[in-house]
Amino acid sequence: MNGSAASVGGVEVAGHLSASLGTHLHLVYVDTAGAGGSRSGGVGGLRDAAGGRHVLDQVSAHMTRVGANFTATLERATSPADAVVASVEELDADLVVVSGAQRNDGGAPVLGNTIERVLDRCGATLVLVVSPNRRREPAAGRAETERMPAGVGR
């Protein structure tokens, strides 16, 4: 999780699965800035330790509210995908929940480099929570609005 709007769906799914199934949930925030990696994404555009602690505090409060049995850690790594795969292997996890926003690359849907690397390298069962990309290009000279399904907030 990185604190982005797209990560919220994955956090909610993971928390409710853990609470419903009575399983232990391990949450990971990856600080790429502290490991010499990218400083984009995450809270306020930074994937750093302070942003990570803030996100972990918010997510921990949510997990407590839904009754999930969980631990939350802050990892330093140059690649979020590498950190996720390493955690899965170290914990011998059975199920991994990842989330992101669907993007388009020349008309073809893509999920983003981090998600695609986790999908390619992770040996556990994956649940992929994909949020629609809410950034839309307006049609020639007019604003468009995106319709969300009933009951889905922005």
Protein backbone atom coordinates (compact mmCIF):
# COMPACT_ATOMS: atom_id res chain seq x y z
CA MET A 1 0.00 0.00 0.00
CA ASN A 2 1.25 3.46 -0.72
CA GLY A 3 -1.49 5.77 0.48
CA SER A 4 -2.78 6.51 -3.01
CA ALA A 5 -6.49 6.57 -3.81
CA ALA A 6 -6.00 3.38 -5.83
CA SER A 7 -4.56 1.52 -2.82
CA VAL A 8 -7.68 2.10 -0.68
CA GLY A 9 -9.65 -0.67 -2.40
CA GLY A 10 -6.91 -3.21 -1.78
CA VAL A 11 -6.61 -2.23 1.87
CA GLU A 12 -10.36 -2.57 2.37
CA VAL A 13 -10.53 -5.96 0.62
CA ALA A 14 -7.53 -7.29 2.59
CA GLY A 15 -8.92 -6.09 5.91
CA HIS A 16 -12.34 -7.60 5.37
CA LEU A 17 -10.89 -10.89 4.10
CA SER A 18 -8.65 -11.14 7.16
CA ALA A 19 -11.46 -10.31 9.57
CA SER A 20 -13.94 -12.67 7.89
CA LEU A 21 -11.55 -15.60 7.51
CA GLY A 22 -9.76 -15.14 10.83
CA THR A 23 -6.36 -15.01 9.14
CA HIS A 24 -3.35 -12.88 9.96
CA LEU A 25 -2.71 -9.91 7.67
CA HIS A 26 0.75 -8.43 7.08
CA LEU A 27 0.68 -4.86 5.71
CA VAL A 28 3.76 -3.44 4.01
CA TYR A 29 4.58 0.18 3.18
CA VAL A 30 7.70 0.49 1.02
CA ASP A 31 9.95 3.53 1.56
CA THR A 32 11.75 3.81 -1.78
CA ALA A 33 13.13 7.29 -1.07
CA GLY A 34 15.08 6.09 1.98
CA ALA A 35 16.60 3.29 -0.09
CA GLY A 36 17.69 5.54 -2.93
CA GLY A 37 14.71 4.75 -5.13
CA SER A 38 11.96 6.85 -6.66
CA ARG A 39 10.36 9.70 -4.75
CA SER A 40 7.10 9.60 -6.71
CA GLY A 41 3.77 8.19 -5.60
CA GLY A 42 2.51 7.64 -2.10
CA VAL A 43 1.39 10.32 0.33
CA GLY A 44 1.97 13.83 -0.96
CA GLY A 45 4.01 12.44 -3.85
CA LEU A 46 6.64 10.95 -1.54
CA ARG A 47 7.31 7.34 -0.68
CA ASP A 48 9.28 8.11 2.45
CA ALA A 49 9.35 6.97 6.08
CA ALA A 50 7.24 9.87 7.41
CA GLY A 51 4.59 9.31 4.74
CA GLY A 52 4.77 5.58 5.41
CA ARG A 53 4.20 5.96 9.15
CA HIS A 54 1.23 8.25 8.43
CA VAL A 55 -0.31 5.73 6.02
CA LEU A 56 0.36 2.82 8.39
CA ASP A 57 -1.33 4.71 11.25
CA GLN A 58 -4.44 5.36 9.13
CA VAL A 59 -4.59 1.80 7.80
CA SER A 60 -3.98 0.32 11.27
CA ALA A 61 -6.96 2.28 12.62
CA HIS A 62 -9.11 0.89 9.77
CA MET A 63 -7.92 -2.68 10.41
CA THR A 64 -8.75 -2.35 14.11
CA ARG A 65 -12.26 -1.07 13.24
CA VAL A 66 -12.98 -4.07 10.95
CA GLY A 67 -11.52 -6.57 13.44
CA ALA A 68 -8.54 -7.74 11.37
CA ASN A 69 -5.61 -9.52 13.03
CA PHE A 70 -2.65 -7.69 11.49
CA THR A 71 0.91 -6.43 11.66
CA ALA A 72 2.15 -3.40 9.76
CA THR A 73 5.74 -2.79 8.71
CA LEU A 74 7.73 -0.12 6.97
CA GLU A 75 10.25 -1.59 4.52
CA ARG A 76 13.10 0.21 2.75
CA ALA A 77 13.73 -0.95 -0.80
CA THR A 78 14.54 0.53 -4.18
CA SER A 79 11.62 -1.37 -5.73
CA PRO A 80 8.15 -1.79 -4.21
CA ALA A 81 7.66 -4.98 -6.26
CA ASP A 82 10.91 -6.49 -4.94
CA ALA A 83 9.88 -5.67 -1.36
CA VAL A 84 6.43 -7.22 -1.78
CA VAL A 85 7.79 -10.40 -3.37
CA ALA A 86 10.50 -10.70 -0.67
CA SER A 87 7.87 -10.31 2.09
CA VAL A 88 5.64 -12.93 0.48
CA GLU A 89 8.54 -15.37 0.30
CA GLU A 90 9.77 -14.62 3.84
CA LEU A 91 6.29 -15.02 5.33
CA ASP A 92 5.35 -17.94 3.07
CA ALA A 93 2.11 -16.07 2.38
CA ASP A 94 -0.79 -17.92 0.80
CA LEU A 95 -2.66 -14.89 -0.50
CA VAL A 96 -1.53 -11.42 -1.60
CA VAL A 97 -3.83 -8.47 -2.24
CA VAL A 98 -2.49 -5.80 -4.60
CA SER A 99 -4.29 -2.78 -5.95
CA GLY A 100 -3.84 -0.02 -8.45
CA ALA A 101 -5.50 2.13 -11.06
CA GLN A 102 -6.07 0.91 -14.58
CA ARG A 103 -4.13 2.98 -17.08
CA ASN A 104 -4.06 3.08 -20.86
CA ASP A 105 -0.95 2.85 -22.97
CA GLY A 106 -1.86 3.69 -26.53
CA GLY A 107 -5.36 2.31 -26.10
CA ALA A 108 -4.27 -0.91 -24.36
CA PRO A 109 -5.08 -1.28 -20.65
CA VAL A 110 -2.05 -1.64 -18.36
CA LEU A 111 -1.77 -2.01 -14.59
CA GLY A 112 1.55 -0.32 -13.94
CA ASN A 113 5.09 -1.59 -13.54
CA THR A 114 4.89 -2.49 -9.84
CA ILE A 115 1.74 -4.59 -10.17
CA GLU A 116 2.94 -6.30 -13.33
CA ARG A 117 6.27 -7.20 -11.68
CA VAL A 118 4.46 -8.64 -8.64
CA LEU A 119 2.13 -10.63 -10.91
CA ASP A 120 5.11 -12.02 -12.84
CA ARG A 121 7.25 -12.95 -9.82
CA CYS A 122 4.92 -13.79 -6.93
CA GLY A 123 4.31 -17.45 -6.20
CA ALA A 124 1.27 -16.88 -3.97
CA THR A 125 -2.34 -16.55 -5.02
CA LEU A 126 -3.04 -12.92 -5.93
CA VAL A 127 -6.18 -10.85 -5.55
CA LEU A 128 -5.95 -7.83 -7.82
CA VAL A 129 -8.18 -4.85 -6.98
CA VAL A 130 -8.27 -2.48 -9.95
CA SER A 131 -9.75 0.99 -9.63
CA PRO A 132 -10.79 2.93 -12.70
CA ASN A 133 -8.41 5.68 -13.70
CA ARG A 134 -10.38 8.78 -12.83
CA ARG A 135 -8.18 11.12 -14.85
CA ARG A 136 -9.97 11.40 -18.17
CA GLU A 137 -9.19 13.52 -21.16
CA PRO A 138 -12.05 15.94 -21.96
CA ALA A 139 -13.63 15.54 -25.39
CA ALA A 140 -12.82 18.33 -27.85
CA GLY A 141 -13.62 21.49 -25.92
CA ARG A 142 -16.09 20.07 -23.39
CA ALA A 143 -15.74 18.57 -19.96
CA GLU A 144 -16.75 14.97 -19.41
CA THR A 145 -17.82 13.39 -16.17
CA GLU A 146 -17.23 9.82 -15.21
CA ARG A 147 -20.18 7.86 -13.93
CA MET A 148 -19.47 5.64 -10.96
CA PRO A 149 -21.63 2.64 -10.09
CA ALA A 150 -24.26 3.28 -7.41
CA GLY A 151 -22.80 3.10 -3.94
CA VAL A 152 -19.22 3.81 -5.01
CA GLY A 153 -17.82 7.02 -3.56
CA ARG A 154 -15.17 9.24 -5.03
